[in-house]
């Protein structure tokens, strides 16, 4: 037989309304005698009572759940990001429901619909938002926080690269570099490239924004065809791949690299690496959850486009930062996977 507030009240010898006030932390519960509260708590523990989350949601208008729409979770960054968002949400007494689109536009629509239909209180959207006509009216009054530049009519909390790019291009200018390439792909390409192109123009350096070569022969042919002084990469994968090929003798030449760094598994120690663009991972996880909850609690608040700045680090600085991360328990999941500096 299911335990109800009425059952608890009867066994504790108090009214049902008194039990309800105490268990729901009603302002008037402050007037309830300590002995009475202890009696109610003892009965709750004895009967192993668990309040209905559905009933609480109906009463409060909130489900205490947040949604996350992400392209894929079977990647080191994505899985760790989802895990840390989940942990941060729990600190605020929220559960996190994760939905993956596999970078498919139709699946993206389904992810949004499913999370809204499950009555999540708000959603963090980790892709380039394209809600479709039938969802626009709903999202206009729904707490959705974009993780990238996204659509200006919705809230955004993204990474700003301009200041980090300026430091990087200042270094390139000092070295007399004239021509660089930027490797990235998919929807992330526009996010990373937009600010870089603007900064490259400021420093009078020619920037080619291109897709990452699909094979080492394509890469070598490109290096023979185009004399790039440095290559920017939106991830550590590209420099690791091509430095390996160079070390094995399969590539005859290797350019200088600057790449985007986030987690300890992204660390590269090699003479071709001039520096890294460091993303503020830990800060963003905390602030995105905090911002989404602010949006939920103040539904009428104005739309905000917030930015957390990336920073540029030279090889010595990134070595120190990598060491700090490996000693920080926050990153234990990554460090304990036996990931070693490349």
C-alpha atoms as a PDB file:
ATOM      1  CA  UNK A   1       0.000   0.000   0.000  1.00  0.00           C
ATOM      2  CA  UNK A   2       1.360   3.401  -1.022  1.00  0.00           C
ATOM      3  CA  UNK A   3       2.327   5.749   1.794  1.00  0.00           C
ATOM      4  CA  UNK A   4       0.530   9.100   1.623  1.00  0.00           C
ATOM      5  CA  UNK A   5       0.627  12.324   3.623  1.00  0.00           C
ATOM      6  CA  UNK A   6      -2.605  11.180   5.242  1.00  0.00           C
ATOM      7  CA  UNK A   7      -0.919   7.923   6.381  1.00  0.00           C
ATOM      8  CA  UNK A   8       1.994   9.855   7.888  1.00  0.00           C
ATOM      9  CA  UNK A   9      -0.331  12.325   9.593  1.00  0.00           C
ATOM     10  CA  UNK A  10      -2.411   9.547  11.153  1.00  0.00           C
ATOM     11  CA  UNK A  11       0.629   7.679  12.513  1.00  0.00           C
ATOM     12  CA  UNK A  12       2.273  10.897  13.786  1.00  0.00           C
ATOM     13  CA  UNK A  13      -0.972  12.053  15.387  1.00  0.00           C
ATOM     14  CA  UNK A  14      -1.060  15.401  13.538  1.00  0.00           C
ATOM     15  CA  UNK A  15      -3.074  16.930  10.718  1.00  0.00           C
ATOM     16  CA  UNK A  16      -2.337  16.246   7.027  1.00  0.00           C
ATOM     17  CA  UNK A  17      -1.878  19.981   6.380  1.00  0.00           C
ATOM     18  CA  UNK A  18       0.800  20.134   9.097  1.00  0.00           C
ATOM     19  CA  UNK A  19       2.698  17.249   7.469  1.00  0.00           C
ATOM     20  CA  UNK A  20       2.415  18.930   4.075  1.00  0.00           C
ATOM     21  CA  UNK A  21       3.711  22.279   5.405  1.00  0.00           C
ATOM     22  CA  UNK A  22       6.710  20.624   7.048  1.00  0.00           C
ATOM     23  CA  UNK A  23       7.722  18.371   4.132  1.00  0.00           C
ATOM     24  CA  UNK A  24       7.316  21.147   1.570  1.00  0.00           C
ATOM     25  CA  UNK A  25       9.189  23.753   3.657  1.00  0.00           C
ATOM     26  CA  UNK A  26       6.201  26.096   3.664  1.00  0.00           C
ATOM     27  CA  UNK A  27       6.986  29.488   5.272  1.00  0.00           C
ATOM     28  CA  UNK A  28       4.461  28.707   8.029  1.00  0.00           C
ATOM     29  CA  UNK A  29       6.380  25.544   8.921  1.00  0.00           C
ATOM     30  CA  UNK A  30       8.665  27.756  11.005  1.00  0.00           C
ATOM     31  CA  UNK A  31       5.862  27.891  13.553  1.00  0.00           C
ATOM     32  CA  UNK A  32       5.698  24.097  13.945  1.00  0.00           C
ATOM     33  CA  UNK A  33       7.235  22.872  17.193  1.00  0.00           C
ATOM     34  CA  UNK A  34      10.566  21.059  16.905  1.00  0.00           C
ATOM     35  CA  UNK A  35       9.184  18.014  18.693  1.00  0.00           C
ATOM     36  CA  UNK A  36       6.343  17.769  16.150  1.00  0.00           C
ATOM     37  CA  UNK A  37       8.791  18.035  13.234  1.00  0.00           C
ATOM     38  CA  UNK A  38      10.941  15.297  14.734  1.00  0.00           C
ATOM     39  CA  UNK A  39       7.877  13.070  15.157  1.00  0.00           C
ATOM     40  CA  UNK A  40       6.902  13.586  11.497  1.00  0.00           C
ATOM     41  CA  UNK A  41      10.475  12.931  10.324  1.00  0.00           C
ATOM     42  CA  UNK A  42      10.604   9.699  12.346  1.00  0.00           C
ATOM     43  CA  UNK A  43       7.398   8.424  10.701  1.00  0.00           C
ATOM     44  CA  UNK A  44       8.658   9.438   7.234  1.00  0.00           C
ATOM     45  CA  UNK A  45      11.844   7.449   7.836  1.00  0.00           C
ATOM     46  CA  UNK A  46       9.972   4.454   9.285  1.00  0.00           C
ATOM     47  CA  UNK A  47       7.559   4.276   6.354  1.00  0.00           C
ATOM     48  CA  UNK A  48      10.344   5.002   3.815  1.00  0.00           C
ATOM     49  CA  UNK A  49       8.214   7.758   2.307  1.00  0.00           C
ATOM     50  CA  UNK A  50       9.336   9.285  -1.009  1.00  0.00           C
ATOM     51  CA  UNK A  51       7.385  12.295  -2.274  1.00  0.00           C
ATOM     52  CA  UNK A  52       5.972  12.051  -5.794  1.00  0.00           C
ATOM     53  CA  UNK A  53       8.109  14.101  -8.175  1.00  0.00           C
ATOM     54  CA  UNK A  54       5.129  14.358 -10.522  1.00  0.00           C
ATOM     55  CA  UNK A  55       2.914  15.742  -7.779  1.00  0.00           C
ATOM     56  CA  UNK A  56       5.578  18.246  -6.756  1.00  0.00           C
ATOM     57  CA  UNK A  57       6.010  19.331 -10.359  1.00  0.00           C
ATOM     58  CA  UNK A  58       2.268  19.874 -10.737  1.00  0.00           C
ATOM     59  CA  UNK A  59       2.180  21.884  -7.534  1.00  0.00           C
ATOM     60  CA  UNK A  60       5.272  24.017  -8.148  1.00  0.00           C
ATOM     61  CA  UNK A  61       5.088  24.216 -11.922  1.00  0.00           C
ATOM     62  CA  UNK A  62       8.648  22.854 -12.108  1.00  0.00           C
ATOM     63  CA  UNK A  63      10.064  19.376 -12.658  1.00  0.00           C
ATOM     64  CA  UNK A  64      13.547  20.156 -11.228  1.00  0.00           C
ATOM     65  CA  UNK A  65      15.026  18.751 -14.433  1.00  0.00           C
ATOM     66  CA  UNK A  66      17.231  20.411 -17.029  1.00  0.00           C
ATOM     67  CA  UNK A  67      17.863  19.282 -20.587  1.00  0.00           C
ATOM     68  CA  UNK A  68      21.071  19.113 -22.597  1.00  0.00           C
ATOM     69  CA  UNK A  69      21.036  18.781 -26.377  1.00  0.00           C
ATOM     70  CA  UNK A  70      24.435  17.692 -27.673  1.00  0.00           C
ATOM     71  CA  UNK A  71      25.671  16.269 -30.971  1.00  0.00           C
ATOM     72  CA  UNK A  72      27.324  13.126 -29.612  1.00  0.00           C
ATOM     73  CA  UNK A  73      28.283  11.781 -26.212  1.00  0.00           C
ATOM     74  CA  UNK A  74      30.727   9.038 -27.306  1.00  0.00           C
ATOM     75  CA  UNK A  75      33.646  11.490 -27.360  1.00  0.00           C
ATOM     76  CA  UNK A  76      36.027  12.413 -24.556  1.00  0.00           C
ATOM     77  CA  UNK A  77      35.092  16.097 -24.492  1.00  0.00           C
ATOM     78  CA  UNK A  78      31.336  15.588 -24.916  1.00  0.00           C
ATOM     79  CA  UNK A  79      31.028  12.860 -22.283  1.00  0.00           C
ATOM     80  CA  UNK A  80      33.123  14.777 -19.752  1.00  0.00           C
ATOM     81  CA  UNK A  81      31.194  17.987 -20.472  1.00  0.00           C
ATOM     82  CA  UNK A  82      27.859  16.203 -19.949  1.00  0.00           C
ATOM     83  CA  UNK A  83      29.125  14.581 -16.734  1.00  0.00           C
ATOM     84  CA  UNK A  84      30.261  17.898 -15.281  1.00  0.00           C
ATOM     85  CA  UNK A  85      27.010  19.650 -16.232  1.00  0.00           C
ATOM     86  CA  UNK A  86      25.134  16.820 -14.514  1.00  0.00           C
ATOM     87  CA  UNK A  87      27.225  17.217 -11.344  1.00  0.00           C
ATOM     88  CA  UNK A  88      26.786  20.990 -11.371  1.00  0.00           C
ATOM     89  CA  UNK A  89      23.020  20.635 -11.840  1.00  0.00           C
ATOM     90  CA  UNK A  90      22.835  18.287  -8.839  1.00  0.00           C
ATOM     91  CA  UNK A  91      24.424  20.978  -6.668  1.00  0.00           C
ATOM     92  CA  UNK A  92      21.305  23.051  -7.391  1.00  0.00           C
ATOM     93  CA  UNK A  93      18.933  20.077  -6.824  1.00  0.00           C
ATOM     94  CA  UNK A  94      18.295  19.587 -10.541  1.00  0.00           C
ATOM     95  CA  UNK A  95      18.552  16.418 -12.608  1.00  0.00           C
ATOM     96  CA  UNK A  96      19.994  16.575 -16.142  1.00  0.00           C
ATOM     97  CA  UNK A  97      18.399  14.758 -19.077  1.00  0.00           C
ATOM     98  CA  UNK A  98      20.784  14.335 -22.023  1.00  0.00           C
ATOM     99  CA  UNK A  99      19.609  14.087 -25.631  1.00  0.00           C
ATOM    100  CA  UNK A 100      21.919  13.498 -28.623  1.00  0.00           C
ATOM    101  CA  UNK A 101      21.223  14.553 -32.217  1.00  0.00           C
ATOM    102  CA  UNK A 102      24.248  12.905 -33.916  1.00  0.00           C
ATOM    103  CA  UNK A 103      24.515  16.275 -35.688  1.00  0.00           C
ATOM    104  CA  UNK A 104      21.338  15.606 -37.679  1.00  0.00           C
ATOM    105  CA  UNK A 105      18.943  18.550 -38.215  1.00  0.00           C
ATOM    106  CA  UNK A 106      15.774  16.428 -38.037  1.00  0.00           C
ATOM    107  CA  UNK A 107      16.977  14.667 -34.909  1.00  0.00           C
ATOM    108  CA  UNK A 108      17.722  18.089 -33.439  1.00  0.00           C
ATOM    109  CA  UNK A 109      14.041  19.029 -33.728  1.00  0.00           C
ATOM    110  CA  UNK A 110      13.053  15.761 -32.055  1.00  0.00           C
ATOM    111  CA  UNK A 111      15.519  16.316 -29.193  1.00  0.00           C
ATOM    112  CA  UNK A 112      14.006  19.717 -28.461  1.00  0.00           C
ATOM    113  CA  UNK A 113      10.411  18.457 -28.661  1.00  0.00           C
ATOM    114  CA  UNK A 114      11.109  15.465 -26.414  1.00  0.00           C
ATOM    115  CA  UNK A 115      12.795  17.550 -23.725  1.00  0.00           C
ATOM    116  CA  UNK A 116      10.034  20.157 -23.766  1.00  0.00           C
ATOM    117  CA  UNK A 117       7.344  17.449 -23.652  1.00  0.00           C
ATOM    118  CA  UNK A 118       9.104  15.898 -20.651  1.00  0.00           C
ATOM    119  CA  UNK A 119       8.554  19.248 -18.905  1.00  0.00           C
ATOM    120  CA  UNK A 120      12.222  20.051 -18.373  1.00  0.00           C
ATOM    121  CA  UNK A 121      12.480  23.473 -16.778  1.00  0.00           C
ATOM    122  CA  UNK A 122      15.150  24.659 -19.214  1.00  0.00           C
ATOM    123  CA  UNK A 123      17.609  23.438 -21.860  1.00  0.00           C
ATOM    124  CA  UNK A 124      21.304  23.967 -22.572  1.00  0.00           C
ATOM    125  CA  UNK A 125      21.774  23.717 -26.324  1.00  0.00           C
ATOM    126  CA  UNK A 126      25.259  22.686 -27.425  1.00  0.00           C
ATOM    127  CA  UNK A 127      24.759  22.958 -31.190  1.00  0.00           C
ATOM    128  CA  UNK A 128      23.871  25.687 -33.675  1.00  0.00           C
ATOM    129  CA  UNK A 129      20.192  26.185 -32.832  1.00  0.00           C
ATOM    130  CA  UNK A 130      17.786  25.767 -35.727  1.00  0.00           C
ATOM    131  CA  UNK A 131      14.436  25.268 -33.984  1.00  0.00           C
ATOM    132  CA  UNK A 132      12.120  25.234 -37.026  1.00  0.00           C
ATOM    133  CA  UNK A 133       8.952  27.251 -37.405  1.00  0.00           C
ATOM    134  CA  UNK A 134       6.727  25.048 -35.251  1.00  0.00           C
ATOM    135  CA  UNK A 135       9.036  25.373 -32.228  1.00  0.00           C
ATOM    136  CA  UNK A 136       9.860  29.084 -32.446  1.00  0.00           C
ATOM    137  CA  UNK A 137       6.734  30.230 -30.601  1.00  0.00           C
ATOM    138  CA  UNK A 138       7.379  27.774 -27.764  1.00  0.00           C
ATOM    139  CA  UNK A 139      11.048  28.702 -27.423  1.00  0.00           C
ATOM    140  CA  UNK A 140      10.229  32.415 -27.364  1.00  0.00           C
ATOM    141  CA  UNK A 141       8.995  31.948 -23.790  1.00  0.00           C
ATOM    142  CA  UNK A 142      11.048  28.875 -22.855  1.00  0.00           C
ATOM    143  CA  UNK A 143      14.404  28.971 -21.002  1.00  0.00           C
ATOM    144  CA  UNK A 144      16.900  27.788 -23.619  1.00  0.00           C
ATOM    145  CA  UNK A 145      20.580  28.682 -23.302  1.00  0.00           C
ATOM    146  CA  UNK A 146      22.835  28.380 -26.339  1.00  0.00           C
ATOM    147  CA  UNK A 147      26.447  27.339 -25.796  1.00  0.00           C
ATOM    148  CA  UNK A 148      27.706  28.936 -29.007  1.00  0.00           C
ATOM    149  CA  UNK A 149      27.124  32.141 -30.942  1.00  0.00           C
ATOM    150  CA  UNK A 150      23.792  30.741 -32.101  1.00  0.00           C
ATOM    151  CA  UNK A 151      20.627  32.695 -32.757  1.00  0.00           C
ATOM    152  CA  UNK A 152      20.517  36.195 -31.308  1.00  0.00           C
ATOM    153  CA  UNK A 153      16.838  36.006 -30.303  1.00  0.00           C
ATOM    154  CA  UNK A 154      17.698  33.470 -27.566  1.00  0.00           C
ATOM    155  CA  UNK A 155      20.023  33.544 -24.564  1.00  0.00           C
ATOM    156  CA  UNK A 156      23.698  32.714 -25.226  1.00  0.00           C
ATOM    157  CA  UNK A 157      26.677  31.874 -23.025  1.00  0.00           C
ATOM    158  CA  UNK A 158      29.600  31.224 -25.345  1.00  0.00           C
ATOM    159  CA  UNK A 159      33.378  31.508 -25.614  1.00  0.00           C
ATOM    160  CA  UNK A 160      34.985  34.716 -26.841  1.00  0.00           C
ATOM    161  CA  UNK A 161      38.179  34.172 -28.849  1.00  0.00           C
ATOM    162  CA  UNK A 162      39.120  37.674 -30.006  1.00  0.00           C
ATOM    163  CA  UNK A 163      41.530  38.583 -27.175  1.00  0.00           C
ATOM    164  CA  UNK A 164      43.294  35.187 -27.358  1.00  0.00           C
ATOM    165  CA  UNK A 165      43.578  35.450 -31.139  1.00  0.00           C
ATOM    166  CA  UNK A 166      45.105  38.922 -30.803  1.00  0.00           C
ATOM    167  CA  UNK A 167      47.849  37.577 -28.550  1.00  0.00           C
ATOM    168  CA  UNK A 168      48.474  34.708 -30.954  1.00  0.00           C
ATOM    169  CA  UNK A 169      48.633  36.952 -34.025  1.00  0.00           C
ATOM    170  CA  UNK A 170      50.876  39.393 -32.209  1.00  0.00           C
ATOM    171  CA  UNK A 171      53.326  36.511 -31.733  1.00  0.00           C
ATOM    172  CA  UNK A 172      53.028  35.554 -35.412  1.00  0.00           C
ATOM    173  CA  UNK A 173      53.603  39.164 -36.441  1.00  0.00           C
ATOM    174  CA  UNK A 174      56.726  39.341 -34.264  1.00  0.00           C
ATOM    175  CA  UNK A 175      58.014  36.233 -36.028  1.00  0.00           C
ATOM    176  CA  UNK A 176      57.420  37.876 -39.398  1.00  0.00           C
ATOM    177  CA  UNK A 177      54.754  35.369 -40.474  1.00  0.00           C
ATOM    178  CA  UNK A 178      52.613  36.427 -43.430  1.00  0.00           C
ATOM    179  CA  UNK A 179      50.282  33.541 -44.246  1.00  0.00           C
ATOM    180  CA  UNK A 180      48.430  31.085 -41.982  1.00  0.00           C
ATOM    181  CA  UNK A 181      45.703  28.481 -42.358  1.00  0.00           C
ATOM    182  CA  UNK A 182      42.801  27.646 -40.059  1.00  0.00           C
ATOM    183  CA  UNK A 183      41.646  23.996 -39.987  1.00  0.00           C
ATOM    184  CA  UNK A 184      38.170  23.156 -38.726  1.00  0.00           C
ATOM    185  CA  UNK A 185      35.052  21.446 -39.957  1.00  0.00           C
ATOM    186  CA  UNK A 186      31.265  21.308 -39.649  1.00  0.00           C
ATOM    187  CA  UNK A 187      29.173  23.733 -37.620  1.00  0.00           C
ATOM    188  CA  UNK A 188      32.128  24.573 -35.329  1.00  0.00           C
ATOM    189  CA  UNK A 189      34.037  26.017 -38.267  1.00  0.00           C
ATOM    190  CA  UNK A 190      32.000  29.216 -38.409  1.00  0.00           C
ATOM    191  CA  UNK A 191      32.209  29.716 -34.635  1.00  0.00           C
ATOM    192  CA  UNK A 192      35.995  29.475 -34.528  1.00  0.00           C
ATOM    193  CA  UNK A 193      36.749  31.159 -37.866  1.00  0.00           C
ATOM    194  CA  UNK A 194      34.637  34.296 -37.634  1.00  0.00           C
ATOM    195  CA  UNK A 195      36.662  36.061 -34.939  1.00  0.00           C
ATOM    196  CA  UNK A 196      39.968  34.725 -36.261  1.00  0.00           C
ATOM    197  CA  UNK A 197      39.415  36.237 -39.719  1.00  0.00           C
ATOM    198  CA  UNK A 198      38.645  39.610 -38.149  1.00  0.00           C
ATOM    199  CA  UNK A 199      41.830  39.543 -36.018  1.00  0.00           C
ATOM    200  CA  UNK A 200      44.017  38.318 -38.898  1.00  0.00           C
ATOM    201  CA  UNK A 201      42.931  41.349 -40.915  1.00  0.00           C
ATOM    202  CA  UNK A 202      43.888  43.648 -38.018  1.00  0.00           C
ATOM    203  CA  UNK A 203      47.430  42.276 -38.078  1.00  0.00           C
ATOM    204  CA  UNK A 204      47.752  42.199 -41.868  1.00  0.00           C
ATOM    205  CA  UNK A 205      48.224  38.433 -41.964  1.00  0.00           C
ATOM    206  CA  UNK A 206      46.602  36.392 -44.744  1.00  0.00           C
ATOM    207  CA  UNK A 207      44.320  33.678 -43.343  1.00  0.00           C
ATOM    208  CA  UNK A 208      42.952  30.732 -45.330  1.00  0.00           C
ATOM    209  CA  UNK A 209      39.990  29.006 -43.678  1.00  0.00           C
ATOM    210  CA  UNK A 210      39.938  25.429 -44.990  1.00  0.00           C
ATOM    211  CA  UNK A 211      38.578  21.974 -44.226  1.00  0.00           C
ATOM    212  CA  UNK A 212      41.007  19.642 -42.489  1.00  0.00           C
ATOM    213  CA  UNK A 213      42.716  17.388 -45.073  1.00  0.00           C
ATOM    214  CA  UNK A 214      41.247  13.895 -45.048  1.00  0.00           C
ATOM    215  CA  UNK A 215      44.576  12.089 -45.545  1.00  0.00           C
ATOM    216  CA  UNK A 216      48.278  12.648 -44.936  1.00  0.00           C
ATOM    217  CA  UNK A 217      48.898  12.713 -48.725  1.00  0.00           C
ATOM    218  CA  UNK A 218      46.364  15.533 -49.067  1.00  0.00           C
ATOM    219  CA  UNK A 219      48.062  17.344 -46.196  1.00  0.00           C
ATOM    220  CA  UNK A 220      51.520  16.950 -47.715  1.00  0.00           C
ATOM    221  CA  UNK A 221      50.267  18.069 -51.115  1.00  0.00           C
ATOM    222  CA  UNK A 222      48.718  21.146 -49.497  1.00  0.00           C
ATOM    223  CA  UNK A 223      51.988  22.012 -47.736  1.00  0.00           C
ATOM    224  CA  UNK A 224      53.850  21.756 -51.039  1.00  0.00           C
ATOM    225  CA  UNK A 225      51.235  23.851 -52.807  1.00  0.00           C
ATOM    226  CA  UNK A 226      50.721  26.451 -50.069  1.00  0.00           C
ATOM    227  CA  UNK A 227      53.561  27.765 -47.907  1.00  0.00           C
ATOM    228  CA  UNK A 228      51.810  28.360 -44.576  1.00  0.00           C
ATOM    229  CA  UNK A 229      53.859  29.808 -41.722  1.00  0.00           C
ATOM    230  CA  UNK A 230      51.443  28.393 -39.148  1.00  0.00           C
ATOM    231  CA  UNK A 231      48.273  26.317 -38.950  1.00  0.00           C
ATOM    232  CA  UNK A 232      45.476  26.964 -36.448  1.00  0.00           C
ATOM    233  CA  UNK A 233      43.376  23.954 -35.478  1.00  0.00           C
ATOM    234  CA  UNK A 234      40.051  23.917 -33.638  1.00  0.00           C
ATOM    235  CA  UNK A 235      41.160  20.759 -31.814  1.00  0.00           C
ATOM    236  CA  UNK A 236      44.313  18.892 -30.775  1.00  0.00           C
ATOM    237  CA  UNK A 237      43.444  15.988 -33.085  1.00  0.00           C
ATOM    238  CA  UNK A 238      44.912  17.565 -36.227  1.00  0.00           C
ATOM    239  CA  UNK A 239      48.365  18.469 -34.862  1.00  0.00           C
ATOM    240  CA  UNK A 240      48.660  15.111 -33.069  1.00  0.00           C
ATOM    241  CA  UNK A 241      47.831  13.242 -36.270  1.00  0.00           C
ATOM    242  CA  UNK A 242      50.284  15.111 -38.455  1.00  0.00           C
ATOM    243  CA  UNK A 243      53.103  15.319 -35.902  1.00  0.00           C
ATOM    244  CA  UNK A 244      52.846  11.510 -35.645  1.00  0.00           C
ATOM    245  CA  UNK A 245      53.090  11.202 -39.417  1.00  0.00           C
ATOM    246  CA  UNK A 246      56.100  13.520 -39.461  1.00  0.00           C
ATOM    247  CA  UNK A 247      57.842  11.557 -36.685  1.00  0.00           C
ATOM    248  CA  UNK A 248      57.231   8.301 -38.551  1.00  0.00           C
ATOM    249  CA  UNK A 249      58.785   9.749 -41.699  1.00  0.00           C
ATOM    250  CA  UNK A 250      55.587   9.612 -43.739  1.00  0.00           C
ATOM    251  CA  UNK A 251      55.496  13.422 -43.940  1.00  0.00           C
ATOM    252  CA  UNK A 252      58.574  15.271 -45.134  1.00  0.00           C
ATOM    253  CA  UNK A 253      57.723  18.584 -43.532  1.00  0.00           C
ATOM    254  CA  UNK A 254      55.649  19.871 -40.621  1.00  0.00           C
ATOM    255  CA  UNK A 255      54.400  23.439 -40.093  1.00  0.00           C
ATOM    256  CA  UNK A 256      54.013  25.354 -36.860  1.00  0.00           C
ATOM    257  CA  UNK A 257      50.739  24.767 -35.000  1.00  0.00           C
ATOM    258  CA  UNK A 258      48.465  26.716 -32.678  1.00  0.00           C
ATOM    259  CA  UNK A 259      45.490  24.683 -31.500  1.00  0.00           C
ATOM    260  CA  UNK A 260      42.461  24.870 -29.215  1.00  0.00           C
ATOM    261  CA  UNK A 261      43.045  23.317 -25.777  1.00  0.00           C
ATOM    262  CA  UNK A 262      40.445  22.330 -23.171  1.00  0.00           C
ATOM    263  CA  UNK A 263      41.227  19.164 -21.186  1.00  0.00           C
ATOM    264  CA  UNK A 264      44.439  17.423 -20.022  1.00  0.00           C
ATOM    265  CA  UNK A 265      44.079  14.872 -22.841  1.00  0.00           C
ATOM    266  CA  UNK A 266      44.592  17.758 -25.310  1.00  0.00           C
ATOM    267  CA  UNK A 267      48.125  18.485 -24.152  1.00  0.00           C
ATOM    268  CA  UNK A 268      50.866  18.293 -26.816  1.00  0.00           C
ATOM    269  CA  UNK A 269      54.534  18.802 -26.128  1.00  0.00           C
ATOM    270  CA  UNK A 270      56.337  19.343 -29.451  1.00  0.00           C
ATOM    271  CA  UNK A 271      58.571  22.003 -30.969  1.00  0.00           C
ATOM    272  CA  UNK A 272      56.041  22.667 -33.760  1.00  0.00           C
ATOM    273  CA  UNK A 273      53.458  23.911 -31.229  1.00  0.00           C
ATOM    274  CA  UNK A 274      53.860  27.682 -30.814  1.00  0.00           C
ATOM    275  CA  UNK A 275      51.012  28.005 -28.314  1.00  0.00           C
ATOM    276  CA  UNK A 276      47.406  27.130 -27.555  1.00  0.00           C
ATOM    277  CA  UNK A 277      44.007  28.808 -27.306  1.00  0.00           C
ATOM    278  CA  UNK A 278      42.751  27.689 -23.876  1.00  0.00           C
ATOM    279  CA  UNK A 279      39.004  27.314 -23.398  1.00  0.00           C
ATOM    280  CA  UNK A 280      37.597  28.128 -19.904  1.00  0.00           C
ATOM    281  CA  UNK A 281      35.924  24.728 -19.436  1.00  0.00           C
ATOM    282  CA  UNK A 282      35.384  24.616 -15.666  1.00  0.00           C
ATOM    283  CA  UNK A 283      34.115  28.200 -15.462  1.00  0.00           C
ATOM    284  CA  UNK A 284      31.718  27.688 -18.358  1.00  0.00           C
ATOM    285  CA  UNK A 285      30.166  24.547 -16.871  1.00  0.00           C
ATOM    286  CA  UNK A 286      29.442  26.329 -13.590  1.00  0.00           C
ATOM    287  CA  UNK A 287      28.211  29.557 -15.160  1.00  0.00           C
ATOM    288  CA  UNK A 288      26.011  27.932 -17.806  1.00  0.00           C
ATOM    289  CA  UNK A 289      24.095  25.989 -15.163  1.00  0.00           C
ATOM    290  CA  UNK A 290      23.831  29.071 -12.944  1.00  0.00           C
ATOM    291  CA  UNK A 291      22.643  31.208 -15.859  1.00  0.00           C
ATOM    292  CA  UNK A 292      20.020  28.658 -16.947  1.00  0.00           C
ATOM    293  CA  UNK A 293      18.597  28.464 -13.420  1.00  0.00           C
ATOM    294  CA  UNK A 294      18.474  32.277 -13.309  1.00  0.00           C
ATOM    295  CA  UNK A 295      16.451  32.197 -16.532  1.00  0.00           C
ATOM    296  CA  UNK A 296      14.075  29.603 -15.052  1.00  0.00           C
ATOM    297  CA  UNK A 297      13.536  31.533 -11.821  1.00  0.00           C
ATOM    298  CA  UNK A 298      13.077  34.883 -13.570  1.00  0.00           C
ATOM    299  CA  UNK A 299      11.100  34.024 -16.677  1.00  0.00           C
ATOM    300  CA  UNK A 300      10.569  37.662 -17.613  1.00  0.00           C
ATOM    301  CA  UNK A 301      14.247  38.629 -17.545  1.00  0.00           C
ATOM    302  CA  UNK A 302      15.726  40.140 -20.726  1.00  0.00           C
ATOM    303  CA  UNK A 303      17.755  38.040 -23.165  1.00  0.00           C
ATOM    304  CA  UNK A 304      21.495  38.138 -22.441  1.00  0.00           C
ATOM    305  CA  UNK A 305      24.420  37.264 -24.681  1.00  0.00           C
ATOM    306  CA  UNK A 306      27.251  36.439 -22.276  1.00  0.00           C
ATOM    307  CA  UNK A 307      30.848  35.548 -23.084  1.00  0.00           C
ATOM    308  CA  UNK A 308      33.677  33.860 -21.220  1.00  0.00           C
ATOM    309  CA  UNK A 309      37.022  34.650 -22.826  1.00  0.00           C
ATOM    310  CA  UNK A 310      39.551  32.068 -23.977  1.00  0.00           C
ATOM    311  CA  UNK A 311      43.219  32.887 -23.356  1.00  0.00           C
ATOM    312  CA  UNK A 312      46.386  32.335 -25.375  1.00  0.00           C
ATOM    313  CA  UNK A 313      49.246  30.458 -23.694  1.00  0.00           C
ATOM    314  CA  UNK A 314      52.787  29.868 -24.904  1.00  0.00           C
ATOM    315  CA  UNK A 315      54.374  26.387 -24.529  1.00  0.00           C
ATOM    316  CA  UNK A 316      55.756  27.081 -21.017  1.00  0.00           C
ATOM    317  CA  UNK A 317      52.467  28.489 -19.736  1.00  0.00           C
ATOM    318  CA  UNK A 318      50.403  25.603 -21.124  1.00  0.00           C
ATOM    319  CA  UNK A 319      52.816  23.093 -19.544  1.00  0.00           C
ATOM    320  CA  UNK A 320      52.152  24.713 -16.151  1.00  0.00           C
ATOM    321  CA  UNK A 321      48.402  24.842 -16.775  1.00  0.00           C
ATOM    322  CA  UNK A 322      48.363  21.173 -17.811  1.00  0.00           C
ATOM    323  CA  UNK A 323      50.148  20.300 -14.554  1.00  0.00           C
ATOM    324  CA  UNK A 324      47.554  22.264 -12.566  1.00  0.00           C
ATOM    325  CA  UNK A 325      44.740  20.355 -14.258  1.00  0.00           C
ATOM    326  CA  UNK A 326      46.301  16.963 -13.555  1.00  0.00           C
ATOM    327  CA  UNK A 327      46.503  17.885  -9.863  1.00  0.00           C
ATOM    328  CA  UNK A 328      42.916  19.170  -9.719  1.00  0.00           C
ATOM    329  CA  UNK A 329      40.428  16.480  -8.607  1.00  0.00           C
ATOM    330  CA  UNK A 330      37.841  18.089 -10.914  1.00  0.00           C
ATOM    331  CA  UNK A 331      39.633  16.422 -13.848  1.00  0.00           C
ATOM    332  CA  UNK A 332      40.187  13.020 -12.204  1.00  0.00           C
ATOM    333  CA  UNK A 333      37.918  11.212 -14.676  1.00  0.00           C
ATOM    334  CA  UNK A 334      40.134  12.345 -17.539  1.00  0.00           C
ATOM    335  CA  UNK A 335      43.466  11.912 -15.765  1.00  0.00           C
ATOM    336  CA  UNK A 336      42.601   8.456 -14.369  1.00  0.00           C
ATOM    337  CA  UNK A 337      41.783   7.096 -17.823  1.00  0.00           C
ATOM    338  CA  UNK A 338      45.536   6.743 -18.177  1.00  0.00           C
ATOM    339  CA  UNK A 339      45.625   9.632 -20.606  1.00  0.00           C
ATOM    340  CA  UNK A 340      49.230  10.791 -20.778  1.00  0.00           C
ATOM    341  CA  UNK A 341      50.665  13.955 -22.315  1.00  0.00           C
ATOM    342  CA  UNK A 342      51.197  13.346 -25.995  1.00  0.00           C
END
